[in-house]
Amino acid sequence: MEHLKYASTEQYHEGIIIEVTDGSVTIDFKGRLGTLKVPRRMVITDWPITPGMEVGFLMSYPEVLREAPRESFEHPNTPKEDQHSCN
């Protein structure tokens, strides 16, 4: 947290739960702000979670910490070399 320039910029947001799996919940933000997928264990509720439920939460803006990407970063859509190919 010491790397953040703007540590306290929380704002209240609302959304609709659009998907529930055994391990995750996907929330569609109101106001066309996109979607957020979180582990199911992070959702605070007294009821069974079902699609269509409204949620409210505090969220801050993501802040880029460094100019250069991490050297160990591998994009999830980058194809890996086929280890079984015959050349």
N, C-alpha and C. Protein backbone atom coordinates (compact mmCIF):
# COMPACT_ATOMS: atom_id res chain seq x y z
N MET A 1 0.81 -1.19 0.00
CA MET A 1 0.00 0.00 0.00
C MET A 1 0.86 1.25 0.00
N GLU A 2 2.09 1.15 0.43
CA GLU A 2 2.97 2.31 0.44
C GLU A 2 3.31 2.80 -0.97
N HIS A 3 3.01 2.00 -2.00
CA HIS A 3 3.28 2.39 -3.38
C HIS A 3 2.19 3.28 -3.97
N LEU A 4 1.02 3.34 -3.32
CA LEU A 4 -0.09 4.12 -3.86
C LEU A 4 0.09 5.62 -3.60
N LYS A 5 -0.22 6.42 -4.59
CA LYS A 5 -0.20 7.88 -4.43
C LYS A 5 -1.53 8.37 -3.85
N TYR A 6 -2.61 7.67 -4.20
CA TYR A 6 -3.96 8.07 -3.78
C TYR A 6 -4.59 6.91 -3.01
N ALA A 7 -4.28 6.79 -1.74
CA ALA A 7 -4.66 5.61 -0.97
C ALA A 7 -6.14 5.57 -0.58
N SER A 8 -6.84 6.68 -0.54
CA SER A 8 -8.22 6.64 -0.06
C SER A 8 -9.14 7.33 -1.06
N THR A 9 -9.55 6.58 -2.07
CA THR A 9 -10.45 7.15 -3.09
C THR A 9 -11.69 6.29 -3.26
N GLU A 10 -12.15 5.64 -2.18
CA GLU A 10 -13.29 4.74 -2.30
C GLU A 10 -14.56 5.48 -2.69
N GLN A 11 -15.35 4.82 -3.51
CA GLN A 11 -16.66 5.32 -3.90
C GLN A 11 -17.65 4.18 -3.82
N TYR A 12 -18.89 4.50 -3.51
CA TYR A 12 -19.95 3.51 -3.43
C TYR A 12 -20.42 3.17 -4.84
N HIS A 13 -20.51 1.87 -5.13
CA HIS A 13 -21.00 1.39 -6.42
C HIS A 13 -22.07 0.33 -6.17
N GLU A 14 -22.91 0.13 -7.17
CA GLU A 14 -23.90 -0.94 -7.11
C GLU A 14 -23.81 -1.77 -8.37
N GLY A 15 -24.29 -2.99 -8.27
CA GLY A 15 -24.29 -3.88 -9.42
C GLY A 15 -25.32 -4.97 -9.26
N ILE A 16 -25.42 -5.80 -10.30
CA ILE A 16 -26.34 -6.92 -10.33
C ILE A 16 -25.52 -8.20 -10.51
N ILE A 17 -25.81 -9.21 -9.71
CA ILE A 17 -25.14 -10.50 -9.88
C ILE A 17 -25.68 -11.14 -11.15
N ILE A 18 -24.78 -11.46 -12.09
CA ILE A 18 -25.23 -12.04 -13.36
C ILE A 18 -24.83 -13.50 -13.51
N GLU A 19 -23.88 -13.99 -12.69
CA GLU A 19 -23.50 -15.39 -12.79
C GLU A 19 -22.99 -15.86 -11.44
N VAL A 20 -23.37 -17.08 -11.07
CA VAL A 20 -22.91 -17.69 -9.83
C VAL A 20 -22.42 -19.10 -10.16
N THR A 21 -21.17 -19.40 -9.78
CA THR A 21 -20.64 -20.75 -9.93
C THR A 21 -20.28 -21.27 -8.55
N ASP A 22 -19.76 -22.49 -8.50
CA ASP A 22 -19.35 -23.04 -7.21
C ASP A 22 -18.28 -22.18 -6.54
N GLY A 23 -17.45 -21.52 -7.34
CA GLY A 23 -16.34 -20.77 -6.75
C GLY A 23 -16.32 -19.28 -6.97
N SER A 24 -17.24 -18.75 -7.81
CA SER A 24 -17.16 -17.32 -8.10
C SER A 24 -18.53 -16.69 -8.31
N VAL A 25 -18.52 -15.36 -8.23
CA VAL A 25 -19.71 -14.55 -8.48
C VAL A 25 -19.30 -13.45 -9.45
N THR A 26 -20.08 -13.27 -10.52
CA THR A 26 -19.81 -12.21 -11.49
C THR A 26 -20.85 -11.12 -11.31
N ILE A 27 -20.37 -9.88 -11.18
CA ILE A 27 -21.22 -8.72 -10.93
C ILE A 27 -21.12 -7.77 -12.11
N ASP A 28 -22.26 -7.34 -12.63
CA ASP A 28 -22.33 -6.33 -13.68
C ASP A 28 -22.57 -4.99 -13.01
N PHE A 29 -21.63 -4.07 -13.14
CA PHE A 29 -21.76 -2.75 -12.52
C PHE A 29 -22.90 -1.98 -13.16
N LYS A 30 -23.64 -1.24 -12.36
CA LYS A 30 -24.63 -0.30 -12.90
C LYS A 30 -23.88 0.87 -13.52
N GLY A 31 -24.45 1.45 -14.55
CA GLY A 31 -23.81 2.61 -15.19
C GLY A 31 -22.78 2.23 -16.23
N ARG A 32 -22.87 1.04 -16.78
CA ARG A 32 -21.98 0.58 -17.87
C ARG A 32 -20.51 0.66 -17.50
N LEU A 33 -20.18 0.30 -16.27
CA LEU A 33 -18.79 0.34 -15.83
C LEU A 33 -18.08 -1.00 -15.99
N GLY A 34 -18.75 -1.99 -16.56
CA GLY A 34 -18.11 -3.27 -16.78
C GLY A 34 -18.55 -4.33 -15.79
N THR A 35 -17.74 -5.39 -15.69
CA THR A 35 -18.05 -6.50 -14.81
C THR A 35 -16.88 -6.79 -13.88
N LEU A 36 -17.18 -7.49 -12.81
CA LEU A 36 -16.18 -7.87 -11.81
C LEU A 36 -16.48 -9.30 -11.39
N LYS A 37 -15.45 -10.15 -11.42
CA LYS A 37 -15.60 -11.54 -10.98
C LYS A 37 -14.78 -11.71 -9.72
N VAL A 38 -15.43 -12.17 -8.65
CA VAL A 38 -14.75 -12.34 -7.36
C VAL A 38 -15.00 -13.75 -6.84
N PRO A 39 -14.12 -14.23 -5.95
CA PRO A 39 -14.39 -15.52 -5.32
C PRO A 39 -15.69 -15.44 -4.52
N ARG A 40 -16.44 -16.51 -4.55
CA ARG A 40 -17.74 -16.54 -3.86
C ARG A 40 -17.59 -16.26 -2.37
N ARG A 41 -16.48 -16.68 -1.80
CA ARG A 41 -16.26 -16.48 -0.36
C ARG A 41 -16.11 -15.00 0.03
N MET A 42 -15.92 -14.11 -0.95
CA MET A 42 -15.76 -12.69 -0.66
C MET A 42 -17.09 -11.94 -0.60
N VAL A 43 -18.18 -12.57 -0.99
CA VAL A 43 -19.48 -11.90 -1.00
C VAL A 43 -20.14 -12.08 0.36
N ILE A 44 -20.49 -10.95 0.98
CA ILE A 44 -21.13 -10.95 2.30
C ILE A 44 -22.63 -11.00 2.10
N THR A 45 -23.27 -12.03 2.66
CA THR A 45 -24.72 -12.17 2.50
C THR A 45 -25.30 -13.08 3.59
N ASP A 46 -26.57 -12.86 3.87
CA ASP A 46 -27.32 -13.73 4.78
C ASP A 46 -28.21 -14.69 4.00
N TRP A 47 -28.22 -14.59 2.66
CA TRP A 47 -29.10 -15.38 1.83
C TRP A 47 -28.31 -16.16 0.78
N PRO A 48 -28.90 -17.20 0.22
CA PRO A 48 -28.25 -17.89 -0.89
C PRO A 48 -28.06 -16.92 -2.07
N ILE A 49 -26.91 -16.96 -2.69
CA ILE A 49 -26.60 -16.03 -3.79
C ILE A 49 -27.24 -16.54 -5.07
N THR A 50 -28.00 -15.67 -5.72
CA THR A 50 -28.65 -16.03 -6.99
C THR A 50 -28.51 -14.88 -7.99
N PRO A 51 -28.47 -15.20 -9.28
CA PRO A 51 -28.43 -14.15 -10.29
C PRO A 51 -29.62 -13.22 -10.16
N GLY A 52 -29.40 -11.94 -10.41
CA GLY A 52 -30.44 -10.93 -10.32
C GLY A 52 -30.41 -10.14 -9.02
N MET A 53 -29.69 -10.66 -8.00
CA MET A 53 -29.59 -9.92 -6.73
C MET A 53 -28.74 -8.67 -6.93
N GLU A 54 -29.13 -7.60 -6.23
CA GLU A 54 -28.36 -6.36 -6.26
C GLU A 54 -27.29 -6.40 -5.16
N VAL A 55 -26.15 -5.81 -5.45
CA VAL A 55 -25.07 -5.71 -4.47
C VAL A 55 -24.58 -4.27 -4.41
N GLY A 56 -24.04 -3.89 -3.28
CA GLY A 56 -23.43 -2.59 -3.09
C GLY A 56 -22.05 -2.79 -2.48
N PHE A 57 -21.11 -1.93 -2.85
CA PHE A 57 -19.75 -2.09 -2.34
C PHE A 57 -18.95 -0.81 -2.53
N LEU A 58 -17.90 -0.70 -1.75
CA LEU A 58 -16.95 0.40 -1.91
C LEU A 58 -15.80 -0.08 -2.77
N MET A 59 -15.39 0.75 -3.69
CA MET A 59 -14.28 0.38 -4.57
C MET A 59 -13.49 1.63 -4.92
N SER A 60 -12.21 1.45 -5.05
CA SER A 60 -11.34 2.53 -5.44
C SER A 60 -10.90 2.32 -6.89
N TYR A 61 -10.29 3.31 -7.47
CA TYR A 61 -9.77 3.19 -8.83
C TYR A 61 -8.46 2.42 -8.81
N PRO A 62 -8.23 1.53 -9.78
CA PRO A 62 -6.93 0.87 -9.86
C PRO A 62 -5.85 1.90 -10.20
N GLU A 63 -4.71 1.79 -9.56
CA GLU A 63 -3.60 2.71 -9.80
C GLU A 63 -2.40 1.91 -10.28
N VAL A 64 -1.83 2.28 -11.43
CA VAL A 64 -0.64 1.61 -11.96
C VAL A 64 0.54 1.94 -11.05
N LEU A 65 1.25 0.90 -10.62
CA LEU A 65 2.32 1.09 -9.64
C LEU A 65 3.67 1.40 -10.26
N ARG A 66 3.94 0.85 -11.45
CA ARG A 66 5.24 1.05 -12.10
C ARG A 66 5.04 1.25 -13.60
N GLU A 67 6.00 1.91 -14.23
CA GLU A 67 5.90 2.15 -15.66
C GLU A 67 6.08 0.87 -16.47
N ALA A 68 7.02 0.03 -16.06
CA ALA A 68 7.32 -1.19 -16.82
C ALA A 68 6.53 -2.38 -16.29
N PRO A 69 6.11 -3.28 -17.18
CA PRO A 69 5.44 -4.50 -16.73
C PRO A 69 6.40 -5.38 -15.93
N ARG A 70 5.85 -6.24 -15.12
CA ARG A 70 6.67 -7.20 -14.38
C ARG A 70 7.34 -8.15 -15.36
N GLU A 71 8.59 -8.45 -15.12
CA GLU A 71 9.32 -9.33 -16.02
C GLU A 71 8.73 -10.73 -16.06
N SER A 72 8.16 -11.19 -14.96
CA SER A 72 7.63 -12.55 -14.89
C SER A 72 6.20 -12.66 -15.41
N PHE A 73 5.62 -11.56 -15.92
CA PHE A 73 4.24 -11.56 -16.37
C PHE A 73 4.08 -12.33 -17.68
N GLU A 74 3.11 -13.24 -17.70
CA GLU A 74 2.74 -13.94 -18.93
C GLU A 74 1.26 -13.70 -19.16
N HIS A 75 0.92 -13.11 -20.29
CA HIS A 75 -0.48 -12.84 -20.60
C HIS A 75 -1.22 -14.16 -20.76
N PRO A 76 -2.41 -14.28 -20.16
CA PRO A 76 -3.13 -15.55 -20.23
C PRO A 76 -3.52 -15.99 -21.64
N ASN A 77 -3.58 -15.08 -22.60
CA ASN A 77 -3.94 -15.44 -23.97
C ASN A 77 -2.75 -15.70 -24.87
N THR A 78 -1.53 -15.65 -24.31
CA THR A 78 -0.33 -15.91 -25.10
C THR A 78 -0.17 -17.41 -25.28
N PRO A 79 -0.10 -17.89 -26.53
CA PRO A 79 0.07 -19.33 -26.72
C PRO A 79 1.46 -19.78 -26.25
N LYS A 80 1.48 -20.90 -25.57
CA LYS A 80 2.74 -21.45 -25.10
C LYS A 80 3.29 -22.37 -26.18
N GLU A 81 4.61 -22.51 -26.19
CA GLU A 81 5.23 -23.41 -27.17
C GLU A 81 4.77 -24.82 -26.94
N ASP A 82 4.49 -25.51 -28.02
CA ASP A 82 4.06 -26.91 -27.91
C ASP A 82 5.26 -27.76 -27.56
N GLN A 83 5.22 -28.38 -26.40
CA GLN A 83 6.35 -29.18 -25.93
C GLN A 83 6.42 -30.52 -26.66
N HIS A 84 5.36 -30.88 -27.35
CA HIS A 84 5.33 -32.18 -28.01
C HIS A 84 5.51 -32.09 -29.51
N SER A 85 5.87 -30.91 -30.02
CA SER A 85 6.00 -30.77 -31.46
C SER A 85 7.28 -31.44 -31.95
N CYS A 86 7.22 -31.93 -33.17
CA CYS A 86 8.38 -32.59 -33.77
C CYS A 86 8.93 -31.68 -34.85
N ASN A 87 10.16 -31.27 -34.72
CA ASN A 87 10.77 -30.39 -35.73
C ASN A 87 11.76 -31.15 -36.55
